[in-house]
Amino acid sequence: MDEVSPLPPVLTVHRDYLLPVTAREFGVCGEQNLEAGCYDGCRFIDSTGKEWSIRKVRTLGYSSAIHRYLPRAYRKVRVSFDLVYAREYSLGDLKSLVGEFLLNNKLVGSPFADKGKEVPSYLERFDSVRHLIAEVGYFDARRQ
């Protein structure tokens, strides 16, 4: 990672999903996912509201010795990011970003029966950027 890097927890923002990532999970991903370009088009928003664009991803090796011997589908690798600072989000900006994603996408396994009413009240419970990023949940809008 760069000398100046995101402060976990981090929200991974992609056109198809929102994924909160803990400090332990940050910089680790599935080997096949990495090869498939899982970070293409992604950006990170850290717990202070700073947004980071990913310029390059480098593989550092397996996340543990055992992963070298697992079938490829289960291997995890450690990665390093070449990041560029993009902007800073306030709590209101971040709620708008998440709200737009939730309202404008058909979510796989959506917990919302009536998005128009439930999404605003869902977002209202977050009182800080860090709280929102740590607790927002995983939302997937990829087509099946």
N, C-alpha and C. Protein backbone atom coordinates (compact mmCIF):
# COMPACT_ATOMS: atom_id res chain seq x y z
N MET A 1 0.84 -1.18 0.00
CA MET A 1 0.00 0.00 0.00
C MET A 1 0.88 1.24 0.00
N ASP A 2 0.32 2.32 -0.45
CA ASP A 2 1.04 3.58 -0.44
C ASP A 2 1.32 3.99 1.00
N GLU A 3 2.25 4.95 1.16
CA GLU A 3 2.53 5.47 2.50
C GLU A 3 1.26 6.04 3.12
N VAL A 4 0.49 6.75 2.32
CA VAL A 4 -0.79 7.27 2.77
C VAL A 4 -1.84 6.34 2.16
N SER A 5 -2.56 5.65 3.01
CA SER A 5 -3.51 4.67 2.50
C SER A 5 -4.79 4.72 3.31
N PRO A 6 -5.83 4.03 2.84
CA PRO A 6 -7.11 4.05 3.53
C PRO A 6 -7.01 3.53 4.96
N LEU A 7 -7.82 4.09 5.81
CA LEU A 7 -7.89 3.69 7.20
C LEU A 7 -9.11 2.79 7.37
N PRO A 8 -8.91 1.47 7.54
CA PRO A 8 -10.05 0.56 7.66
C PRO A 8 -10.90 0.88 8.88
N PRO A 9 -12.19 0.51 8.85
CA PRO A 9 -12.86 -0.23 7.79
C PRO A 9 -13.01 0.60 6.52
N VAL A 10 -13.14 -0.10 5.42
CA VAL A 10 -13.21 0.53 4.10
C VAL A 10 -14.46 0.04 3.40
N LEU A 11 -15.11 0.93 2.64
CA LEU A 11 -16.23 0.54 1.80
C LEU A 11 -15.70 0.44 0.38
N THR A 12 -15.81 -0.75 -0.21
CA THR A 12 -15.42 -0.93 -1.61
C THR A 12 -16.64 -0.59 -2.45
N VAL A 13 -16.47 0.37 -3.35
CA VAL A 13 -17.58 0.84 -4.19
C VAL A 13 -17.28 0.43 -5.63
N HIS A 14 -18.21 -0.28 -6.23
CA HIS A 14 -18.10 -0.75 -7.61
C HIS A 14 -19.45 -0.52 -8.26
N ARG A 15 -19.50 -0.49 -9.56
CA ARG A 15 -20.80 -0.25 -10.23
C ARG A 15 -21.80 -1.36 -9.91
N ASP A 16 -21.30 -2.56 -9.54
CA ASP A 16 -22.18 -3.69 -9.28
C ASP A 16 -22.38 -4.04 -7.81
N TYR A 17 -21.59 -3.48 -6.92
CA TYR A 17 -21.74 -3.85 -5.52
C TYR A 17 -21.13 -2.83 -4.57
N LEU A 18 -21.60 -2.90 -3.33
CA LEU A 18 -21.02 -2.17 -2.20
C LEU A 18 -20.56 -3.25 -1.22
N LEU A 19 -19.31 -3.17 -0.78
CA LEU A 19 -18.76 -4.21 0.08
C LEU A 19 -17.94 -3.59 1.20
N PRO A 20 -18.42 -3.68 2.45
CA PRO A 20 -17.60 -3.20 3.57
C PRO A 20 -16.47 -4.20 3.84
N VAL A 21 -15.28 -3.68 4.13
CA VAL A 21 -14.10 -4.52 4.34
C VAL A 21 -13.43 -4.11 5.64
N THR A 22 -13.15 -5.09 6.49
CA THR A 22 -12.49 -4.83 7.76
C THR A 22 -10.98 -4.70 7.57
N ALA A 23 -10.29 -4.29 8.60
CA ALA A 23 -8.83 -4.18 8.54
C ALA A 23 -8.20 -5.54 8.25
N ARG A 24 -8.76 -6.58 8.81
CA ARG A 24 -8.22 -7.93 8.59
C ARG A 24 -8.40 -8.39 7.15
N GLU A 25 -9.53 -8.02 6.52
CA GLU A 25 -9.83 -8.45 5.16
C GLU A 25 -9.18 -7.57 4.09
N PHE A 26 -8.83 -6.34 4.45
CA PHE A 26 -8.30 -5.40 3.46
C PHE A 26 -6.96 -5.92 2.91
N GLY A 27 -6.85 -6.01 1.60
CA GLY A 27 -5.61 -6.48 0.98
C GLY A 27 -5.55 -7.98 0.81
N VAL A 28 -6.68 -8.67 0.99
CA VAL A 28 -6.75 -10.11 0.77
C VAL A 28 -7.93 -10.38 -0.15
N CYS A 29 -7.72 -11.22 -1.16
CA CYS A 29 -8.84 -11.57 -2.04
C CYS A 29 -8.61 -12.95 -2.64
N GLY A 30 -9.65 -13.48 -3.24
CA GLY A 30 -9.55 -14.77 -3.90
C GLY A 30 -8.67 -14.67 -5.14
N GLU A 31 -7.84 -15.67 -5.34
CA GLU A 31 -6.93 -15.67 -6.49
C GLU A 31 -7.69 -15.58 -7.81
N GLN A 32 -8.75 -16.36 -7.95
CA GLN A 32 -9.54 -16.32 -9.18
C GLN A 32 -10.25 -14.98 -9.35
N ASN A 33 -10.74 -14.41 -8.26
CA ASN A 33 -11.39 -13.10 -8.34
C ASN A 33 -10.41 -12.04 -8.83
N LEU A 34 -9.20 -12.09 -8.33
CA LEU A 34 -8.18 -11.12 -8.75
C LEU A 34 -7.89 -11.27 -10.24
N GLU A 35 -7.74 -12.50 -10.70
CA GLU A 35 -7.49 -12.73 -12.12
C GLU A 35 -8.66 -12.29 -12.99
N ALA A 36 -9.86 -12.35 -12.43
CA ALA A 36 -11.06 -11.94 -13.17
C ALA A 36 -11.26 -10.42 -13.15
N GLY A 37 -10.37 -9.70 -12.45
CA GLY A 37 -10.47 -8.24 -12.43
C GLY A 37 -11.40 -7.70 -11.38
N CYS A 38 -11.45 -8.32 -10.21
CA CYS A 38 -12.40 -7.90 -9.17
C CYS A 38 -12.20 -6.45 -8.72
N TYR A 39 -11.03 -5.89 -8.92
CA TYR A 39 -10.79 -4.50 -8.51
C TYR A 39 -10.93 -3.51 -9.66
N ASP A 40 -11.22 -4.00 -10.86
CA ASP A 40 -11.41 -3.09 -12.01
C ASP A 40 -12.62 -2.19 -11.75
N GLY A 41 -12.42 -0.90 -11.82
CA GLY A 41 -13.51 0.04 -11.63
C GLY A 41 -13.89 0.27 -10.18
N CYS A 42 -13.12 -0.28 -9.24
CA CYS A 42 -13.42 -0.11 -7.82
C CYS A 42 -12.74 1.13 -7.26
N ARG A 43 -13.32 1.59 -6.18
CA ARG A 43 -12.67 2.64 -5.39
C ARG A 43 -12.98 2.34 -3.93
N PHE A 44 -12.14 2.84 -3.06
CA PHE A 44 -12.31 2.63 -1.63
C PHE A 44 -12.70 3.94 -0.98
N ILE A 45 -13.61 3.87 -0.01
CA ILE A 45 -13.91 5.01 0.84
C ILE A 45 -13.58 4.55 2.25
N ASP A 46 -12.64 5.24 2.88
CA ASP A 46 -12.18 4.78 4.20
C ASP A 46 -13.02 5.36 5.33
N SER A 47 -12.67 4.99 6.54
CA SER A 47 -13.47 5.36 7.72
C SER A 47 -13.43 6.85 8.04
N THR A 48 -12.55 7.60 7.38
CA THR A 48 -12.53 9.05 7.57
C THR A 48 -13.27 9.77 6.45
N GLY A 49 -13.79 9.02 5.47
CA GLY A 49 -14.53 9.61 4.37
C GLY A 49 -13.69 9.89 3.14
N LYS A 50 -12.41 9.54 3.16
CA LYS A 50 -11.55 9.77 2.00
C LYS A 50 -11.78 8.68 0.96
N GLU A 51 -11.90 9.12 -0.30
CA GLU A 51 -12.06 8.17 -1.40
C GLU A 51 -10.73 7.98 -2.11
N TRP A 52 -10.43 6.72 -2.43
CA TRP A 52 -9.18 6.35 -3.09
C TRP A 52 -9.50 5.58 -4.36
N SER A 53 -8.89 5.97 -5.48
CA SER A 53 -9.01 5.22 -6.73
C SER A 53 -7.85 4.25 -6.83
N ILE A 54 -8.11 3.10 -7.38
CA ILE A 54 -7.08 2.08 -7.52
C ILE A 54 -6.40 2.25 -8.88
N ARG A 55 -5.11 2.51 -8.83
CA ARG A 55 -4.34 2.65 -10.05
C ARG A 55 -3.79 1.29 -10.50
N LYS A 56 -3.31 0.50 -9.52
CA LYS A 56 -2.71 -0.79 -9.84
C LYS A 56 -2.82 -1.70 -8.62
N VAL A 57 -2.94 -3.00 -8.88
CA VAL A 57 -2.98 -4.01 -7.82
C VAL A 57 -1.81 -4.96 -8.05
N ARG A 58 -1.04 -5.21 -6.99
CA ARG A 58 0.09 -6.14 -7.07
C ARG A 58 -0.14 -7.31 -6.13
N THR A 59 0.18 -8.51 -6.60
CA THR A 59 0.08 -9.71 -5.77
C THR A 59 1.34 -9.84 -4.93
N LEU A 60 1.16 -10.06 -3.63
CA LEU A 60 2.29 -10.21 -2.72
C LEU A 60 2.57 -11.67 -2.38
N GLY A 61 1.61 -12.54 -2.61
CA GLY A 61 1.76 -13.96 -2.28
C GLY A 61 0.49 -14.47 -1.64
N TYR A 62 0.52 -15.72 -1.24
CA TYR A 62 -0.65 -16.31 -0.61
C TYR A 62 -0.86 -15.73 0.79
N SER A 63 -2.11 -15.67 1.20
CA SER A 63 -2.41 -15.08 2.50
C SER A 63 -1.93 -15.95 3.65
N SER A 64 -1.78 -17.24 3.41
CA SER A 64 -1.17 -18.14 4.40
C SER A 64 -0.57 -19.31 3.63
N ALA A 65 0.32 -20.04 4.27
CA ALA A 65 1.01 -21.14 3.60
C ALA A 65 0.03 -22.21 3.10
N ILE A 66 -1.03 -22.43 3.82
CA ILE A 66 -1.99 -23.47 3.44
C ILE A 66 -2.68 -23.16 2.11
N HIS A 67 -2.86 -21.87 1.79
CA HIS A 67 -3.56 -21.50 0.56
C HIS A 67 -2.83 -21.94 -0.70
N ARG A 68 -1.55 -22.13 -0.62
CA ARG A 68 -0.77 -22.59 -1.77
C ARG A 68 -1.23 -23.98 -2.21
N TYR A 69 -1.73 -24.79 -1.27
CA TYR A 69 -2.08 -26.18 -1.56
C TYR A 69 -3.58 -26.42 -1.74
N LEU A 70 -4.36 -25.40 -1.57
CA LEU A 70 -5.81 -25.53 -1.75
C LEU A 70 -6.16 -25.50 -3.23
N PRO A 71 -7.33 -26.03 -3.61
CA PRO A 71 -7.79 -25.87 -4.99
C PRO A 71 -7.90 -24.37 -5.33
N ARG A 72 -7.69 -24.01 -6.58
CA ARG A 72 -7.65 -22.60 -6.99
C ARG A 72 -8.88 -21.81 -6.54
N ALA A 73 -10.02 -22.44 -6.55
CA ALA A 73 -11.25 -21.73 -6.19
C ALA A 73 -11.23 -21.24 -4.74
N TYR A 74 -10.38 -21.82 -3.89
CA TYR A 74 -10.35 -21.47 -2.48
C TYR A 74 -9.09 -20.70 -2.07
N ARG A 75 -8.18 -20.47 -2.99
CA ARG A 75 -6.93 -19.79 -2.65
C ARG A 75 -7.16 -18.30 -2.43
N LYS A 76 -6.53 -17.78 -1.41
CA LYS A 76 -6.56 -16.34 -1.15
C LYS A 76 -5.15 -15.79 -1.24
N VAL A 77 -5.05 -14.60 -1.82
CA VAL A 77 -3.74 -13.95 -1.97
C VAL A 77 -3.76 -12.60 -1.27
N ARG A 78 -2.58 -12.18 -0.84
CA ARG A 78 -2.41 -10.83 -0.30
C ARG A 78 -2.09 -9.92 -1.47
N VAL A 79 -2.65 -8.72 -1.45
CA VAL A 79 -2.41 -7.77 -2.52
C VAL A 79 -2.03 -6.41 -1.94
N SER A 80 -1.36 -5.66 -2.76
CA SER A 80 -0.98 -4.29 -2.42
C SER A 80 -1.58 -3.39 -3.48
N PHE A 81 -1.99 -2.22 -3.08
CA PHE A 81 -2.65 -1.29 -4.00
C PHE A 81 -1.79 -0.06 -4.23
N ASP A 82 -1.76 0.38 -5.47
CA ASP A 82 -1.22 1.69 -5.81
C ASP A 82 -2.45 2.58 -5.90
N LEU A 83 -2.61 3.49 -4.95
CA LEU A 83 -3.83 4.27 -4.81
C LEU A 83 -3.61 5.75 -5.07
N VAL A 84 -4.68 6.40 -5.50
CA VAL A 84 -4.66 7.84 -5.71
C VAL A 84 -5.83 8.44 -4.94
N TYR A 85 -5.54 9.45 -4.12
CA TYR A 85 -6.60 10.13 -3.37
C TYR A 85 -7.50 10.84 -4.37
N ALA A 86 -8.81 10.69 -4.19
CA ALA A 86 -9.75 11.29 -5.14
C ALA A 86 -10.53 12.45 -4.53
N ARG A 87 -11.15 12.21 -3.38
CA ARG A 87 -11.97 13.25 -2.75
C ARG A 87 -12.32 12.84 -1.34
N GLU A 88 -13.08 13.71 -0.65
CA GLU A 88 -13.53 13.40 0.70
C GLU A 88 -15.05 13.48 0.76
N TYR A 89 -15.65 12.52 1.44
CA TYR A 89 -17.10 12.46 1.59
C TYR A 89 -17.50 12.89 2.99
N SER A 90 -18.56 13.68 3.06
CA SER A 90 -19.19 13.96 4.36
C SER A 90 -20.18 12.82 4.61
N LEU A 91 -20.75 12.76 5.80
CA LEU A 91 -21.74 11.73 6.09
C LEU A 91 -22.92 11.84 5.14
N GLY A 92 -23.38 13.06 4.88
CA GLY A 92 -24.50 13.26 3.96
C GLY A 92 -24.18 12.81 2.54
N ASP A 93 -22.97 13.11 2.07
CA ASP A 93 -22.55 12.68 0.73
C ASP A 93 -22.54 11.16 0.63
N LEU A 94 -22.01 10.52 1.67
CA LEU A 94 -21.91 9.06 1.66
C LEU A 94 -23.28 8.41 1.74
N LYS A 95 -24.17 8.97 2.54
CA LYS A 95 -25.54 8.45 2.59
C LYS A 95 -26.22 8.58 1.23
N SER A 96 -25.96 9.69 0.54
CA SER A 96 -26.53 9.88 -0.80
C SER A 96 -25.99 8.84 -1.78
N LEU A 97 -24.69 8.59 -1.73
CA LEU A 97 -24.07 7.61 -2.62
C LEU A 97 -24.67 6.22 -2.39
N VAL A 98 -24.74 5.81 -1.14
CA VAL A 98 -25.28 4.49 -0.81
C VAL A 98 -26.77 4.44 -1.14
N GLY A 99 -27.50 5.49 -0.80
CA GLY A 99 -28.93 5.54 -1.09
C GLY A 99 -29.22 5.44 -2.58
N GLU A 100 -28.48 6.17 -3.40
CA GLU A 100 -28.66 6.09 -4.85
C GLU A 100 -28.39 4.69 -5.36
N PHE A 101 -27.34 4.05 -4.86
CA PHE A 101 -27.04 2.69 -5.28
C PHE A 101 -28.19 1.76 -4.92
N LEU A 102 -28.68 1.86 -3.70
CA LEU A 102 -29.75 0.97 -3.25
C LEU A 102 -31.05 1.21 -4.00
N LEU A 103 -31.36 2.47 -4.28
CA LEU A 103 -32.62 2.79 -4.95
C LEU A 103 -32.58 2.53 -6.46
N ASN A 104 -31.42 2.66 -7.07
CA ASN A 104 -31.32 2.57 -8.53
C ASN A 104 -30.91 1.21 -9.07
N ASN A 105 -30.69 0.24 -8.20
CA ASN A 105 -30.27 -1.08 -8.65
C ASN A 105 -31.21 -2.15 -8.13
N LYS A 106 -31.40 -3.16 -8.96
CA LYS A 106 -32.14 -4.34 -8.50
C LYS A 106 -31.13 -5.19 -7.75
N LEU A 107 -31.32 -5.31 -6.46
CA LEU A 107 -30.36 -5.98 -5.61
C LEU A 107 -30.64 -7.47 -5.50
N VAL A 108 -29.57 -8.26 -5.53
CA VAL A 108 -29.70 -9.70 -5.34
C VAL A 108 -29.99 -9.95 -3.86
N GLY A 109 -31.09 -10.61 -3.57
CA GLY A 109 -31.46 -10.88 -2.18
C GLY A 109 -31.74 -9.63 -1.37
N SER A 110 -32.43 -8.65 -1.97
CA SER A 110 -32.68 -7.38 -1.31
C SER A 110 -33.48 -7.54 -0.02
N PRO A 111 -33.01 -6.89 1.05
CA PRO A 111 -33.76 -6.94 2.31
C PRO A 111 -34.90 -5.92 2.35
N PHE A 112 -35.05 -5.12 1.31
CA PHE A 112 -36.04 -4.05 1.29
C PHE A 112 -37.25 -4.44 0.47
N ALA A 113 -38.43 -4.48 1.12
CA ALA A 113 -39.67 -4.77 0.40
C ALA A 113 -40.15 -3.52 -0.33
N ASP A 114 -40.04 -2.37 0.31
CA ASP A 114 -40.45 -1.10 -0.29
C ASP A 114 -39.26 -0.15 -0.18
N LYS A 115 -38.43 -0.13 -1.22
CA LYS A 115 -37.19 0.66 -1.17
C LYS A 115 -37.43 2.13 -0.87
N GLY A 116 -38.46 2.70 -1.47
CA GLY A 116 -38.73 4.12 -1.30
C GLY A 116 -38.92 4.54 0.15
N LYS A 117 -39.50 3.67 0.95
CA LYS A 117 -39.73 3.98 2.37
C LYS A 117 -38.61 3.45 3.26
N GLU A 118 -38.11 2.26 2.95
CA GLU A 118 -37.17 1.60 3.85
C GLU A 118 -35.73 2.09 3.74
N VAL A 119 -35.28 2.43 2.53
CA VAL A 119 -33.89 2.86 2.37
C VAL A 119 -33.59 4.14 3.16
N PRO A 120 -34.43 5.19 3.05
CA PRO A 120 -34.13 6.39 3.84
C PRO A 120 -34.08 6.13 5.35
N SER A 121 -34.99 5.31 5.87
CA SER A 121 -34.96 5.03 7.31
C SER A 121 -33.76 4.14 7.67
N TYR A 122 -33.36 3.26 6.76
CA TYR A 122 -32.16 2.43 6.97
C TYR A 122 -30.92 3.32 7.09
N LEU A 123 -30.80 4.29 6.20
CA LEU A 123 -29.63 5.17 6.20
C LEU A 123 -29.63 6.15 7.36
N GLU A 124 -30.81 6.48 7.84
CA GLU A 124 -30.94 7.46 8.93
C GLU A 124 -30.26 6.99 10.22
N ARG A 125 -30.15 5.69 10.40
CA ARG A 125 -29.58 5.16 11.66
C ARG A 125 -28.08 5.37 11.79
N PHE A 126 -27.40 5.70 10.69
CA PHE A 126 -25.96 5.90 10.74
C PHE A 126 -25.63 7.32 11.17
N ASP A 127 -24.78 7.44 12.21
CA ASP A 127 -24.49 8.76 12.76
C ASP A 127 -23.08 9.26 12.47
N SER A 128 -22.28 8.46 11.77
CA SER A 128 -20.93 8.90 11.39
C SER A 128 -20.49 8.13 10.15
N VAL A 129 -19.49 8.65 9.47
CA VAL A 129 -18.95 7.98 8.29
C VAL A 129 -18.44 6.59 8.68
N ARG A 130 -17.68 6.53 9.76
CA ARG A 130 -17.13 5.25 10.22
C ARG A 130 -18.23 4.23 10.52
N HIS A 131 -19.29 4.67 11.18
CA HIS A 131 -20.42 3.79 11.51
C HIS A 131 -21.07 3.27 10.24
N LEU A 132 -21.31 4.13 9.27
CA LEU A 132 -21.94 3.72 8.01
C LEU A 132 -21.07 2.69 7.30
N ILE A 133 -19.78 2.96 7.18
CA ILE A 133 -18.89 2.06 6.45
C ILE A 133 -18.78 0.70 7.15
N ALA A 134 -18.71 0.70 8.46
CA ALA A 134 -18.55 -0.54 9.20
C ALA A 134 -19.81 -1.40 9.20
N GLU A 135 -20.97 -0.77 9.12
CA GLU A 135 -22.23 -1.49 9.32
C GLU A 135 -23.16 -1.55 8.11
N VAL A 136 -22.79 -0.96 6.99
CA VAL A 136 -23.73 -0.80 5.89
C VAL A 136 -24.20 -2.13 5.29
N GLY A 137 -23.41 -3.15 5.34
CA GLY A 137 -23.82 -4.44 4.76
C GLY A 137 -23.35 -4.56 3.32
N TYR A 138 -23.43 -5.78 2.82
CA TYR A 138 -23.01 -6.08 1.44
C TYR A 138 -24.23 -6.06 0.55
N PHE A 139 -24.17 -5.28 -0.52
CA PHE A 139 -25.27 -5.19 -1.47
C PHE A 139 -24.74 -5.48 -2.87
N ASP A 140 -25.37 -6.42 -3.55
CA ASP A 140 -24.91 -6.89 -4.86
C ASP A 140 -26.00 -6.63 -5.89
N ALA A 141 -25.62 -5.96 -6.98
CA ALA A 141 -26.57 -5.66 -8.04
C ALA A 141 -26.21 -6.38 -9.33
N ARG A 142 -25.32 -7.35 -9.26
CA ARG A 142 -24.93 -8.08 -10.47
C ARG A 142 -26.08 -8.94 -10.95
N ARG A 143 -26.17 -9.06 -12.24
CA ARG A 143 -27.21 -9.89 -12.84
C ARG A 143 -26.86 -11.37 -12.66
N GLN A 144 -27.86 -12.17 -12.43
CA GLN A 144 -27.59 -13.62 -12.23
C GLN A 144 -27.81 -14.38 -13.49
